[in-house]
Amino acid sequence: MVHGYHLILPHYGSWLPNDPRGSWSELVASWEIARFGETIRHLERRTLAMLSPQELALREAARKALRYPPVCLTGKQALSVANGFKEQALKSDYSIWACSILPEHTHLVVARHRYKAEQIANLLKGAATRRLIEDGLHPLSQHATQGKRPPTMWARHQWKSFLDSDEAIENAMNYVIENPIKEDKPRQLWRWLTPYSGIDSGWTTYH
C-alpha cells in the first residue's frame, strides 16, 4: 500500500530530457534542444561534479538554446514558493513531511491523499506560481507578454516515487532534509511542515 510520495519538481531548464546525468523522460519534445542528443532514460544519479568537461559543455549549450533562461531561484524566491506550498497544504489538507527548495529543483515528501500524486504536484506548483507573481518575484516575469502570466518556472514533468513503509518514508525525509547540505546550503526548517508520526495502515489511496 502506498503511504506517501517523494516528489521532485525540477525548475525550468534545470534537468533537460537529454541531460548527461540521465533522466526519466521518454523523448526530447523541444526542437531547440533535440540537436544536443536523444533522451537518456536511465537516471544515473550522477552529479554535475561527476560529468566530464565535454558533457558539461554539451549540457550548457543545450540550456543556452532554450527559449527562456533556466530558472535558478534566489533565497527570497524560495521563501515565496514555500509560502505558496503552505497555503495549498492548508487549502487541500495535505500533510507535507519534508521540503527542500533549491535553486534548480524542489523536493517534497507528502502523505497519501485522495488526490493522485500528479495532481498534488500540479496544485502545489500552481500555488507557488501564484505566490511568486503576487510577491513580484516570478523568475521569468520579464518574459511575460502584456496582460498574460509569465512562462512557467517549472519543468514539464515531475518525478515521483511511492513510499510504502515507515523505512521508505523516513529514508525519503532524510534525503530531502540533507539535500541542501550537498549544495553547501543550510537545512531548511519550515515551520508549516506536518510532523511525521508513523503510517496509518487503514487507508487506501491512488497509485
N, C-alpha and C. Protein backbone atom coordinates (compact mmCIF):
# COMPACT_ATOMS: atom_id res chain seq x y z
N MET A 1 0.84 -1.19 0.00
CA MET A 1 0.00 0.00 0.00
C MET A 1 0.88 1.25 0.00
N VAL A 2 0.49 2.24 -0.76
CA VAL A 2 1.22 3.50 -0.81
C VAL A 2 0.81 4.36 0.39
N HIS A 3 1.80 4.88 1.10
CA HIS A 3 1.54 5.73 2.25
C HIS A 3 2.00 7.16 2.04
N GLY A 4 2.80 7.38 1.02
CA GLY A 4 3.29 8.74 0.76
C GLY A 4 4.03 8.81 -0.56
N TYR A 5 4.47 10.01 -0.89
CA TYR A 5 5.17 10.24 -2.16
C TYR A 5 6.40 11.10 -1.93
N HIS A 6 7.45 10.77 -2.64
CA HIS A 6 8.60 11.67 -2.74
C HIS A 6 8.50 12.33 -4.10
N LEU A 7 8.25 13.63 -4.11
CA LEU A 7 8.08 14.38 -5.34
C LEU A 7 9.31 15.23 -5.60
N ILE A 8 9.80 15.18 -6.83
CA ILE A 8 10.91 16.03 -7.26
C ILE A 8 10.39 16.91 -8.38
N LEU A 9 10.43 18.22 -8.15
CA LEU A 9 9.89 19.18 -9.10
C LEU A 9 11.04 19.98 -9.69
N PRO A 10 11.54 19.61 -10.86
CA PRO A 10 12.62 20.38 -11.48
C PRO A 10 12.12 21.75 -11.93
N HIS A 11 12.97 22.74 -11.80
CA HIS A 11 12.64 24.06 -12.31
C HIS A 11 12.98 24.13 -13.79
N TYR A 12 12.38 25.06 -14.49
CA TYR A 12 12.55 25.16 -15.94
C TYR A 12 14.04 25.23 -16.31
N GLY A 13 14.43 24.32 -17.22
CA GLY A 13 15.78 24.33 -17.75
C GLY A 13 16.83 23.67 -16.88
N SER A 14 16.43 23.14 -15.71
CA SER A 14 17.43 22.61 -14.79
C SER A 14 17.83 21.18 -15.11
N TRP A 15 16.88 20.39 -15.65
CA TRP A 15 17.18 18.98 -15.92
C TRP A 15 16.48 18.61 -17.22
N LEU A 16 17.20 18.77 -18.31
CA LEU A 16 16.61 18.54 -19.62
C LEU A 16 16.51 17.04 -19.93
N PRO A 17 15.64 16.65 -20.87
CA PRO A 17 15.48 15.22 -21.19
C PRO A 17 16.77 14.54 -21.61
N ASN A 18 17.66 15.30 -22.27
CA ASN A 18 18.92 14.71 -22.72
C ASN A 18 20.10 15.17 -21.85
N ASP A 19 19.80 15.47 -20.60
CA ASP A 19 20.85 15.83 -19.65
C ASP A 19 21.85 14.68 -19.52
N PRO A 20 23.15 14.95 -19.55
CA PRO A 20 24.14 13.87 -19.45
C PRO A 20 24.04 13.08 -18.15
N ARG A 21 23.40 13.64 -17.12
CA ARG A 21 23.23 12.90 -15.87
C ARG A 21 22.20 11.79 -16.00
N GLY A 22 21.41 11.80 -17.10
CA GLY A 22 20.33 10.84 -17.28
C GLY A 22 19.01 11.45 -16.86
N SER A 23 17.91 10.92 -17.39
CA SER A 23 16.58 11.40 -16.99
C SER A 23 15.57 10.28 -17.20
N TRP A 24 14.34 10.55 -16.77
CA TRP A 24 13.27 9.58 -16.95
C TRP A 24 12.35 9.98 -18.11
N SER A 25 12.73 10.97 -18.88
CA SER A 25 11.89 11.41 -20.00
C SER A 25 11.91 10.37 -21.12
N GLU A 26 10.79 10.26 -21.82
CA GLU A 26 10.68 9.30 -22.90
C GLU A 26 11.16 9.87 -24.24
N LEU A 27 11.13 11.18 -24.38
CA LEU A 27 11.57 11.78 -25.63
C LEU A 27 11.96 13.23 -25.39
N VAL A 28 12.68 13.79 -26.36
CA VAL A 28 13.03 15.21 -26.33
C VAL A 28 11.99 15.92 -27.18
N ALA A 29 11.05 16.60 -26.53
CA ALA A 29 9.92 17.18 -27.24
C ALA A 29 10.21 18.56 -27.81
N SER A 30 11.27 19.19 -27.35
CA SER A 30 11.59 20.54 -27.79
C SER A 30 12.61 20.51 -28.92
N TRP A 31 12.28 21.18 -30.02
CA TRP A 31 13.19 21.18 -31.16
C TRP A 31 14.46 21.96 -30.85
N GLU A 32 14.37 22.92 -29.90
CA GLU A 32 15.54 23.72 -29.58
C GLU A 32 16.69 22.89 -29.01
N ILE A 33 16.34 21.84 -28.26
CA ILE A 33 17.39 21.05 -27.60
C ILE A 33 17.57 19.66 -28.18
N ALA A 34 16.71 19.29 -29.14
CA ALA A 34 16.80 17.94 -29.71
C ALA A 34 18.14 17.71 -30.40
N ARG A 35 18.73 18.77 -30.94
CA ARG A 35 20.00 18.60 -31.65
C ARG A 35 21.18 18.32 -30.72
N PHE A 36 20.94 18.36 -29.42
CA PHE A 36 22.01 18.09 -28.47
C PHE A 36 21.98 16.65 -27.95
N GLY A 37 21.17 15.80 -28.60
CA GLY A 37 21.18 14.39 -28.24
C GLY A 37 19.81 13.87 -27.87
N GLU A 38 19.69 12.54 -27.91
CA GLU A 38 18.44 11.89 -27.55
C GLU A 38 18.33 11.78 -26.03
N THR A 39 17.11 11.44 -25.59
CA THR A 39 16.88 11.27 -24.16
C THR A 39 17.67 10.09 -23.62
N ILE A 40 18.08 10.23 -22.37
CA ILE A 40 18.76 9.15 -21.66
C ILE A 40 17.80 8.68 -20.58
N ARG A 41 17.17 7.55 -20.80
CA ARG A 41 16.07 7.12 -19.94
C ARG A 41 16.51 6.77 -18.52
N HIS A 42 17.71 6.22 -18.38
CA HIS A 42 18.13 5.74 -17.07
C HIS A 42 18.63 6.90 -16.22
N LEU A 43 18.06 7.08 -15.03
CA LEU A 43 18.53 8.10 -14.12
C LEU A 43 19.76 7.57 -13.40
N GLU A 44 20.92 8.03 -13.79
CA GLU A 44 22.18 7.51 -13.28
C GLU A 44 22.56 8.09 -11.93
N ARG A 45 21.82 9.11 -11.48
CA ARG A 45 22.10 9.76 -10.20
C ARG A 45 23.52 10.32 -10.16
N ARG A 46 23.99 10.81 -11.29
CA ARG A 46 25.28 11.48 -11.33
C ARG A 46 25.11 12.95 -10.99
N THR A 47 26.07 13.51 -10.31
CA THR A 47 26.04 14.93 -10.00
C THR A 47 26.78 15.69 -11.09
N LEU A 48 26.63 17.00 -11.09
CA LEU A 48 27.35 17.80 -12.08
C LEU A 48 28.85 17.64 -11.94
N ALA A 49 29.30 17.45 -10.69
CA ALA A 49 30.74 17.30 -10.45
C ALA A 49 31.30 16.03 -11.07
N MET A 50 30.43 15.07 -11.38
CA MET A 50 30.85 13.79 -11.94
C MET A 50 30.91 13.82 -13.47
N LEU A 51 30.43 14.89 -14.09
CA LEU A 51 30.41 14.96 -15.55
C LEU A 51 31.76 15.39 -16.09
N SER A 52 32.06 14.91 -17.29
CA SER A 52 33.30 15.29 -17.96
C SER A 52 33.17 16.72 -18.49
N PRO A 53 34.27 17.38 -18.80
CA PRO A 53 34.19 18.72 -19.40
C PRO A 53 33.35 18.74 -20.67
N GLN A 54 33.44 17.68 -21.47
CA GLN A 54 32.65 17.62 -22.71
C GLN A 54 31.16 17.53 -22.39
N GLU A 55 30.80 16.73 -21.40
CA GLU A 55 29.39 16.60 -21.01
C GLU A 55 28.86 17.91 -20.44
N LEU A 56 29.66 18.58 -19.64
CA LEU A 56 29.25 19.86 -19.08
C LEU A 56 29.03 20.90 -20.18
N ALA A 57 29.91 20.89 -21.16
CA ALA A 57 29.79 21.85 -22.26
C ALA A 57 28.53 21.58 -23.08
N LEU A 58 28.22 20.30 -23.31
CA LEU A 58 27.02 19.94 -24.06
C LEU A 58 25.77 20.35 -23.29
N ARG A 59 25.76 20.12 -21.99
CA ARG A 59 24.62 20.49 -21.15
C ARG A 59 24.41 22.00 -21.18
N GLU A 60 25.49 22.76 -21.06
CA GLU A 60 25.37 24.21 -21.04
C GLU A 60 24.90 24.74 -22.40
N ALA A 61 25.37 24.13 -23.47
CA ALA A 61 24.94 24.55 -24.81
C ALA A 61 23.44 24.32 -24.98
N ALA A 62 22.93 23.18 -24.49
CA ALA A 62 21.50 22.89 -24.58
C ALA A 62 20.70 23.89 -23.76
N ARG A 63 21.18 24.24 -22.57
CA ARG A 63 20.47 25.20 -21.73
C ARG A 63 20.42 26.58 -22.38
N LYS A 64 21.48 26.96 -23.06
CA LYS A 64 21.51 28.26 -23.73
C LYS A 64 20.57 28.30 -24.94
N ALA A 65 20.22 27.13 -25.46
CA ALA A 65 19.33 27.07 -26.62
C ALA A 65 17.86 27.13 -26.25
N LEU A 66 17.55 27.12 -24.94
CA LEU A 66 16.17 27.18 -24.51
C LEU A 66 15.54 28.52 -24.86
N ARG A 67 14.23 28.52 -24.94
CA ARG A 67 13.51 29.75 -25.27
C ARG A 67 13.66 30.81 -24.18
N TYR A 68 13.69 30.34 -22.91
CA TYR A 68 13.84 31.25 -21.78
C TYR A 68 15.06 30.81 -20.96
N PRO A 69 15.62 31.70 -20.16
CA PRO A 69 16.78 31.30 -19.35
C PRO A 69 16.38 30.29 -18.28
N PRO A 70 17.26 29.35 -17.97
CA PRO A 70 16.95 28.38 -16.91
C PRO A 70 16.65 29.10 -15.60
N VAL A 71 15.72 28.54 -14.84
CA VAL A 71 15.30 29.15 -13.58
C VAL A 71 16.26 28.73 -12.47
N CYS A 72 16.77 29.70 -11.76
CA CYS A 72 17.63 29.47 -10.60
C CYS A 72 17.11 30.38 -9.49
N LEU A 73 16.42 29.80 -8.52
CA LEU A 73 15.74 30.60 -7.50
C LEU A 73 16.71 31.24 -6.53
N THR A 74 16.38 32.45 -6.13
CA THR A 74 17.09 33.13 -5.05
C THR A 74 16.46 32.71 -3.71
N GLY A 75 17.07 33.14 -2.62
CA GLY A 75 16.50 32.84 -1.31
C GLY A 75 15.12 33.43 -1.12
N LYS A 76 14.92 34.68 -1.57
CA LYS A 76 13.60 35.32 -1.45
C LYS A 76 12.56 34.58 -2.29
N GLN A 77 12.94 34.14 -3.47
CA GLN A 77 12.00 33.40 -4.32
C GLN A 77 11.66 32.05 -3.69
N ALA A 78 12.64 31.39 -3.08
CA ALA A 78 12.39 30.12 -2.42
C ALA A 78 11.40 30.30 -1.27
N LEU A 79 11.53 31.39 -0.53
CA LEU A 79 10.59 31.66 0.56
C LEU A 79 9.19 31.88 0.02
N SER A 80 9.08 32.56 -1.10
CA SER A 80 7.78 32.79 -1.73
C SER A 80 7.16 31.47 -2.17
N VAL A 81 7.97 30.59 -2.76
CA VAL A 81 7.49 29.27 -3.15
C VAL A 81 6.99 28.50 -1.92
N ALA A 82 7.75 28.55 -0.84
CA ALA A 82 7.36 27.86 0.39
C ALA A 82 6.03 28.38 0.92
N ASN A 83 5.82 29.68 0.86
CA ASN A 83 4.55 30.25 1.32
C ASN A 83 3.39 29.78 0.45
N GLY A 84 3.64 29.62 -0.86
CA GLY A 84 2.61 29.07 -1.73
C GLY A 84 2.28 27.63 -1.36
N PHE A 85 3.32 26.83 -1.09
CA PHE A 85 3.10 25.45 -0.66
C PHE A 85 2.27 25.41 0.62
N LYS A 86 2.62 26.27 1.56
CA LYS A 86 1.91 26.32 2.84
C LYS A 86 0.43 26.59 2.64
N GLU A 87 0.13 27.58 1.78
CA GLU A 87 -1.26 27.94 1.52
C GLU A 87 -2.03 26.79 0.88
N GLN A 88 -1.41 26.09 -0.08
CA GLN A 88 -2.10 24.99 -0.74
C GLN A 88 -2.26 23.80 0.19
N ALA A 89 -1.27 23.56 1.05
CA ALA A 89 -1.36 22.47 2.00
C ALA A 89 -2.54 22.68 2.95
N LEU A 90 -2.73 23.91 3.40
CA LEU A 90 -3.86 24.21 4.27
C LEU A 90 -5.18 24.07 3.52
N LYS A 91 -5.21 24.55 2.28
CA LYS A 91 -6.43 24.52 1.49
C LYS A 91 -6.86 23.10 1.16
N SER A 92 -5.90 22.25 0.79
CA SER A 92 -6.22 20.89 0.34
C SER A 92 -6.01 19.83 1.42
N ASP A 93 -5.61 20.27 2.61
CA ASP A 93 -5.38 19.35 3.72
C ASP A 93 -4.28 18.34 3.41
N TYR A 94 -3.18 18.82 2.84
CA TYR A 94 -2.02 17.97 2.61
C TYR A 94 -1.19 17.87 3.89
N SER A 95 -0.58 16.73 4.10
CA SER A 95 0.45 16.58 5.12
C SER A 95 1.79 16.52 4.39
N ILE A 96 2.56 17.58 4.48
CA ILE A 96 3.88 17.62 3.86
C ILE A 96 4.90 17.39 4.97
N TRP A 97 5.62 16.28 4.87
CA TRP A 97 6.54 15.87 5.93
C TRP A 97 7.94 16.45 5.78
N ALA A 98 8.33 16.76 4.57
CA ALA A 98 9.67 17.31 4.33
C ALA A 98 9.64 18.14 3.06
N CYS A 99 10.46 19.19 3.03
CA CYS A 99 10.50 20.06 1.86
C CYS A 99 11.85 20.76 1.81
N SER A 100 12.48 20.73 0.64
CA SER A 100 13.69 21.49 0.39
C SER A 100 13.54 22.16 -0.97
N ILE A 101 13.66 23.48 -0.97
CA ILE A 101 13.52 24.27 -2.20
C ILE A 101 14.90 24.77 -2.58
N LEU A 102 15.48 24.18 -3.59
CA LEU A 102 16.83 24.50 -4.02
C LEU A 102 16.77 25.39 -5.27
N PRO A 103 17.89 25.97 -5.67
CA PRO A 103 17.85 26.88 -6.82
C PRO A 103 17.28 26.25 -8.09
N GLU A 104 17.61 24.97 -8.37
CA GLU A 104 17.22 24.37 -9.64
C GLU A 104 16.16 23.28 -9.53
N HIS A 105 15.79 22.87 -8.33
CA HIS A 105 14.75 21.85 -8.18
C HIS A 105 14.22 21.87 -6.75
N THR A 106 13.07 21.25 -6.56
CA THR A 106 12.40 21.21 -5.26
C THR A 106 12.06 19.77 -4.91
N HIS A 107 12.29 19.40 -3.64
CA HIS A 107 11.95 18.08 -3.12
C HIS A 107 10.82 18.21 -2.10
N LEU A 108 9.87 17.28 -2.15
CA LEU A 108 8.79 17.22 -1.17
C LEU A 108 8.51 15.76 -0.80
N VAL A 109 8.23 15.52 0.46
CA VAL A 109 7.70 14.22 0.89
C VAL A 109 6.30 14.49 1.43
N VAL A 110 5.31 13.90 0.76
CA VAL A 110 3.91 14.21 1.03
C VAL A 110 3.16 12.94 1.39
N ALA A 111 2.29 13.04 2.38
CA ALA A 111 1.46 11.89 2.77
C ALA A 111 0.44 11.57 1.69
N ARG A 112 0.00 10.33 1.68
CA ARG A 112 -1.06 9.90 0.76
C ARG A 112 -2.26 10.84 0.90
N HIS A 113 -3.05 10.90 -0.14
CA HIS A 113 -4.18 11.83 -0.17
C HIS A 113 -5.21 11.29 -1.13
N ARG A 114 -6.38 11.89 -1.11
CA ARG A 114 -7.41 11.45 -2.06
C ARG A 114 -7.05 11.86 -3.48
N TYR A 115 -6.14 12.82 -3.65
CA TYR A 115 -5.67 13.22 -4.97
C TYR A 115 -4.49 12.35 -5.38
N LYS A 116 -4.34 12.14 -6.67
CA LYS A 116 -3.18 11.45 -7.19
C LYS A 116 -1.93 12.31 -6.99
N ALA A 117 -0.79 11.64 -7.01
CA ALA A 117 0.48 12.35 -6.79
C ALA A 117 0.67 13.47 -7.80
N GLU A 118 0.31 13.22 -9.06
CA GLU A 118 0.47 14.23 -10.10
C GLU A 118 -0.39 15.46 -9.82
N GLN A 119 -1.61 15.24 -9.31
CA GLN A 119 -2.49 16.37 -9.01
C GLN A 119 -1.96 17.16 -7.82
N ILE A 120 -1.43 16.46 -6.82
CA ILE A 120 -0.82 17.15 -5.68
C ILE A 120 0.31 18.05 -6.18
N ALA A 121 1.19 17.49 -7.01
CA ALA A 121 2.33 18.25 -7.52
C ALA A 121 1.85 19.46 -8.31
N ASN A 122 0.86 19.28 -9.18
CA ASN A 122 0.39 20.38 -10.01
C ASN A 122 -0.26 21.50 -9.19
N LEU A 123 -1.02 21.13 -8.17
CA LEU A 123 -1.65 22.14 -7.33
C LEU A 123 -0.61 22.90 -6.51
N LEU A 124 0.41 22.20 -6.03
CA LEU A 124 1.47 22.88 -5.28
C LEU A 124 2.26 23.81 -6.19
N LYS A 125 2.57 23.37 -7.41
CA LYS A 125 3.28 24.23 -8.35
C LYS A 125 2.44 25.46 -8.69
N GLY A 126 1.15 25.26 -8.89
CA GLY A 126 0.28 26.39 -9.20
C GLY A 126 0.22 27.40 -8.07
N ALA A 127 0.13 26.91 -6.83
CA ALA A 127 0.07 27.81 -5.68
C ALA A 127 1.38 28.58 -5.52
N ALA A 128 2.51 27.89 -5.75
CA ALA A 128 3.80 28.57 -5.66
C ALA A 128 3.92 29.65 -6.73
N THR A 129 3.45 29.34 -7.94
CA THR A 129 3.50 30.32 -9.03
C THR A 129 2.67 31.55 -8.70
N ARG A 130 1.47 31.34 -8.19
CA ARG A 130 0.61 32.48 -7.84
C ARG A 130 1.26 33.36 -6.78
N ARG A 131 1.87 32.72 -5.80
CA ARG A 131 2.50 33.50 -4.74
C ARG A 131 3.70 34.29 -5.27
N LEU A 132 4.48 33.69 -6.14
CA LEU A 132 5.61 34.41 -6.74
C LEU A 132 5.14 35.63 -7.52
N ILE A 133 4.04 35.47 -8.27
CA ILE A 133 3.50 36.60 -9.04
C ILE A 133 3.00 37.68 -8.09
N GLU A 134 2.27 37.28 -7.04
CA GLU A 134 1.75 38.25 -6.07
C GLU A 134 2.88 39.01 -5.38
N ASP A 135 3.98 38.31 -5.11
CA ASP A 135 5.12 38.92 -4.43
C ASP A 135 6.03 39.69 -5.38
N GLY A 136 5.72 39.65 -6.68
CA GLY A 136 6.56 40.33 -7.65
C GLY A 136 7.93 39.69 -7.81
N LEU A 137 7.99 38.37 -7.62
CA LEU A 137 9.27 37.66 -7.61
C LEU A 137 9.36 36.53 -8.64
N HIS A 138 8.42 36.46 -9.55
CA HIS A 138 8.46 35.35 -10.51
C HIS A 138 9.75 35.44 -11.33
N PRO A 139 10.52 34.34 -11.43
CA PRO A 139 11.84 34.40 -12.08
C PRO A 139 11.80 34.67 -13.58
N LEU A 140 10.64 34.49 -14.21
CA LEU A 140 10.53 34.74 -15.65
C LEU A 140 9.56 35.88 -15.95
N SER A 141 9.36 36.76 -14.98
CA SER A 141 8.38 37.83 -15.15
C SER A 141 8.72 38.76 -16.32
N GLN A 142 10.00 38.93 -16.60
CA GLN A 142 10.39 39.83 -17.68
C GLN A 142 10.06 39.28 -19.06
N HIS A 143 9.65 37.99 -19.11
CA HIS A 143 9.30 37.36 -20.38
C HIS A 143 7.79 37.25 -20.57
N ALA A 144 7.03 37.84 -19.67
CA ALA A 144 5.57 37.82 -19.80
C ALA A 144 5.12 38.80 -20.87
N THR A 145 4.20 38.36 -21.72
CA THR A 145 3.63 39.27 -22.69
C THR A 145 2.53 40.09 -22.03
N GLN A 146 2.18 41.21 -22.60
CA GLN A 146 1.25 42.14 -21.98
C GLN A 146 -0.08 41.47 -21.66
N GLY A 147 -0.49 41.57 -20.40
CA GLY A 147 -1.77 41.04 -19.98
C GLY A 147 -1.78 39.55 -19.73
N LYS A 148 -0.63 38.87 -19.82
CA LYS A 148 -0.58 37.42 -19.62
C LYS A 148 0.38 37.07 -18.50
N ARG A 149 0.23 35.86 -18.01
CA ARG A 149 1.11 35.37 -16.96
C ARG A 149 2.50 35.09 -17.53
N PRO A 150 3.51 35.07 -16.70
CA PRO A 150 4.85 34.71 -17.18
C PRO A 150 4.89 33.25 -17.62
N PRO A 151 5.88 32.87 -18.41
CA PRO A 151 6.06 31.44 -18.74
C PRO A 151 6.25 30.64 -17.46
N THR A 152 5.92 29.37 -17.54
CA THR A 152 6.04 28.55 -16.33
C THR A 152 7.49 28.45 -15.87
N MET A 153 7.69 28.49 -14.56
CA MET A 153 9.02 28.33 -14.00
C MET A 153 9.34 26.88 -13.71
N TRP A 154 8.39 25.98 -14.00
CA TRP A 154 8.55 24.56 -13.68
C TRP A 154 8.83 23.76 -14.95
N ALA A 155 9.58 22.70 -14.81
CA ALA A 155 9.76 21.76 -15.91
C ALA A 155 8.42 21.11 -16.24
N ARG A 156 8.31 20.54 -17.42
CA ARG A 156 7.03 19.99 -17.88
C ARG A 156 6.54 18.85 -17.00
N HIS A 157 7.44 18.01 -16.55
CA HIS A 157 7.05 16.85 -15.75
C HIS A 157 7.75 16.88 -14.40
N GLN A 158 7.22 16.10 -13.48
CA GLN A 158 7.87 15.90 -12.20
C GLN A 158 8.20 14.42 -12.04
N TRP A 159 9.11 14.14 -11.14
CA TRP A 159 9.44 12.76 -10.81
C TRP A 159 8.79 12.40 -9.48
N LYS A 160 8.42 11.17 -9.35
CA LYS A 160 7.78 10.73 -8.10
C LYS A 160 8.20 9.31 -7.77
N SER A 161 8.26 9.03 -6.49
CA SER A 161 8.44 7.65 -6.05
C SER A 161 7.41 7.39 -4.96
N PHE A 162 6.92 6.15 -4.92
CA PHE A 162 5.87 5.78 -3.98
C PHE A 162 6.51 5.18 -2.73
N LEU A 163 6.05 5.60 -1.58
CA LEU A 163 6.62 5.19 -0.30
C LEU A 163 5.63 4.26 0.40
N ASP A 164 6.06 3.03 0.65
CA ASP A 164 5.13 2.02 1.15
C ASP A 164 5.48 1.48 2.53
N SER A 165 6.34 2.15 3.26
CA SER A 165 6.71 1.69 4.60
C SER A 165 7.28 2.84 5.40
N ASP A 166 7.35 2.64 6.72
CA ASP A 166 7.98 3.64 7.58
C ASP A 166 9.41 3.90 7.13
N GLU A 167 10.11 2.82 6.84
CA GLU A 167 11.51 2.97 6.44
C GLU A 167 11.65 3.79 5.16
N ALA A 168 10.80 3.53 4.19
CA ALA A 168 10.86 4.26 2.93
C ALA A 168 10.57 5.74 3.15
N ILE A 169 9.58 6.03 3.99
CA ILE A 169 9.23 7.42 4.27
C ILE A 169 10.37 8.13 5.00
N GLU A 170 10.91 7.49 6.01
CA GLU A 170 11.99 8.11 6.78
C GLU A 170 13.24 8.30 5.93
N ASN A 171 13.54 7.35 5.06
CA ASN A 171 14.70 7.50 4.17
C ASN A 171 14.51 8.68 3.22
N ALA A 172 13.29 8.80 2.68
CA ALA A 172 13.00 9.91 1.78
C ALA A 172 13.08 11.25 2.51
N MET A 173 12.55 11.30 3.72
CA MET A 173 12.61 12.53 4.51
C MET A 173 14.05 12.92 4.80
N ASN A 174 14.86 11.96 5.19
CA ASN A 174 16.26 12.24 5.49
C ASN A 174 16.99 12.74 4.24
N TYR A 175 16.69 12.13 3.10
CA TYR A 175 17.31 12.56 1.85
C TYR A 175 16.96 14.01 1.54
N VAL A 176 15.68 14.34 1.69
CA VAL A 176 15.22 15.70 1.39
C VAL A 176 15.82 16.70 2.37
N ILE A 177 15.84 16.36 3.64
CA ILE A 177 16.37 17.27 4.67
C ILE A 177 17.85 17.54 4.44
N GLU A 178 18.59 16.50 4.03
CA GLU A 178 20.03 16.64 3.84
C GLU A 178 20.40 17.21 2.47
N ASN A 179 19.45 17.26 1.55
CA ASN A 179 19.76 17.66 0.18
C ASN A 179 20.40 19.04 0.06
N PRO A 180 19.92 20.06 0.79
CA PRO A 180 20.57 21.37 0.68
C PRO A 180 22.05 21.34 1.09
N ILE A 181 22.38 20.51 2.07
CA ILE A 181 23.75 20.46 2.56
C ILE A 181 24.68 20.00 1.45
N LYS A 182 24.18 19.12 0.57
CA LYS A 182 25.00 18.65 -0.55
C LYS A 182 25.35 19.78 -1.51
N GLU A 183 24.56 20.85 -1.48
CA GLU A 183 24.83 22.01 -2.32
C GLU A 183 25.41 23.17 -1.51
N ASP A 184 25.98 22.82 -0.34
CA ASP A 184 26.62 23.81 0.53
C ASP A 184 25.65 24.89 0.99
N LYS A 185 24.42 24.47 1.29
CA LYS A 185 23.41 25.39 1.79
C LYS A 185 22.88 24.87 3.13
N PRO A 186 22.32 25.72 3.96
CA PRO A 186 21.80 25.27 5.25
C PRO A 186 20.53 24.44 5.10
N ARG A 187 20.25 23.63 6.09
CA ARG A 187 19.00 22.89 6.11
C ARG A 187 17.83 23.87 6.15
N GLN A 188 16.70 23.42 5.62
CA GLN A 188 15.51 24.26 5.58
C GLN A 188 14.49 23.72 6.58
N LEU A 189 14.23 24.48 7.60
CA LEU A 189 13.33 24.06 8.67
C LEU A 189 12.03 24.86 8.58
N TRP A 190 11.13 24.39 7.73
CA TRP A 190 9.86 25.08 7.54
C TRP A 190 8.89 24.76 8.68
N ARG A 191 8.38 25.78 9.33
CA ARG A 191 7.52 25.58 10.49
C ARG A 191 6.15 25.01 10.13
N TRP A 192 5.76 25.14 8.87
CA TRP A 192 4.43 24.70 8.47
C TRP A 192 4.39 23.21 8.11
N LEU A 193 5.54 22.52 8.14
CA LEU A 193 5.54 21.10 7.84
C LEU A 193 4.77 20.31 8.88
N THR A 194 4.19 19.20 8.46
CA THR A 194 3.47 18.30 9.37
C THR A 194 4.46 17.31 9.98
N PRO A 195 4.55 17.23 11.30
CA PRO A 195 5.46 16.25 11.91
C PRO A 195 5.06 14.83 11.50
N TYR A 196 6.05 14.01 11.18
CA TYR A 196 5.76 12.62 10.81
C TYR A 196 5.59 11.79 12.07
N SER A 197 4.46 11.07 12.17
CA SER A 197 4.17 10.28 13.37
C SER A 197 3.86 8.83 13.04
N GLY A 198 4.34 8.35 11.90
CA GLY A 198 4.10 6.96 11.53
C GLY A 198 2.98 6.84 10.53
N ILE A 199 2.92 5.68 9.88
CA ILE A 199 1.93 5.49 8.83
C ILE A 199 0.59 5.07 9.41
N ASP A 200 -0.46 5.35 8.66
CA ASP A 200 -1.82 4.95 9.01
C ASP A 200 -2.18 3.78 8.10
N SER A 201 -2.25 2.60 8.67
CA SER A 201 -2.44 1.39 7.86
C SER A 201 -3.87 1.19 7.39
N GLY A 202 -4.78 2.07 7.78
CA GLY A 202 -6.18 1.84 7.44
C GLY A 202 -6.68 2.64 6.26
N TRP A 203 -5.77 3.08 5.40
CA TRP A 203 -6.14 3.99 4.31
C TRP A 203 -5.69 3.39 2.98
N THR A 204 -6.54 3.51 2.00
CA THR A 204 -6.12 3.17 0.64
C THR A 204 -6.03 4.43 -0.17
N THR A 205 -5.27 4.43 -1.21
CA THR A 205 -5.03 5.67 -1.95
C THR A 205 -4.74 5.37 -3.39
N TYR A 206 -4.71 6.42 -4.20
CA TYR A 206 -4.32 6.30 -5.58
C TYR A 206 -2.85 5.91 -5.69
N HIS A 207 -2.51 5.24 -6.75
CA HIS A 207 -1.11 4.98 -7.08
C HIS A 207 -0.67 5.95 -8.16
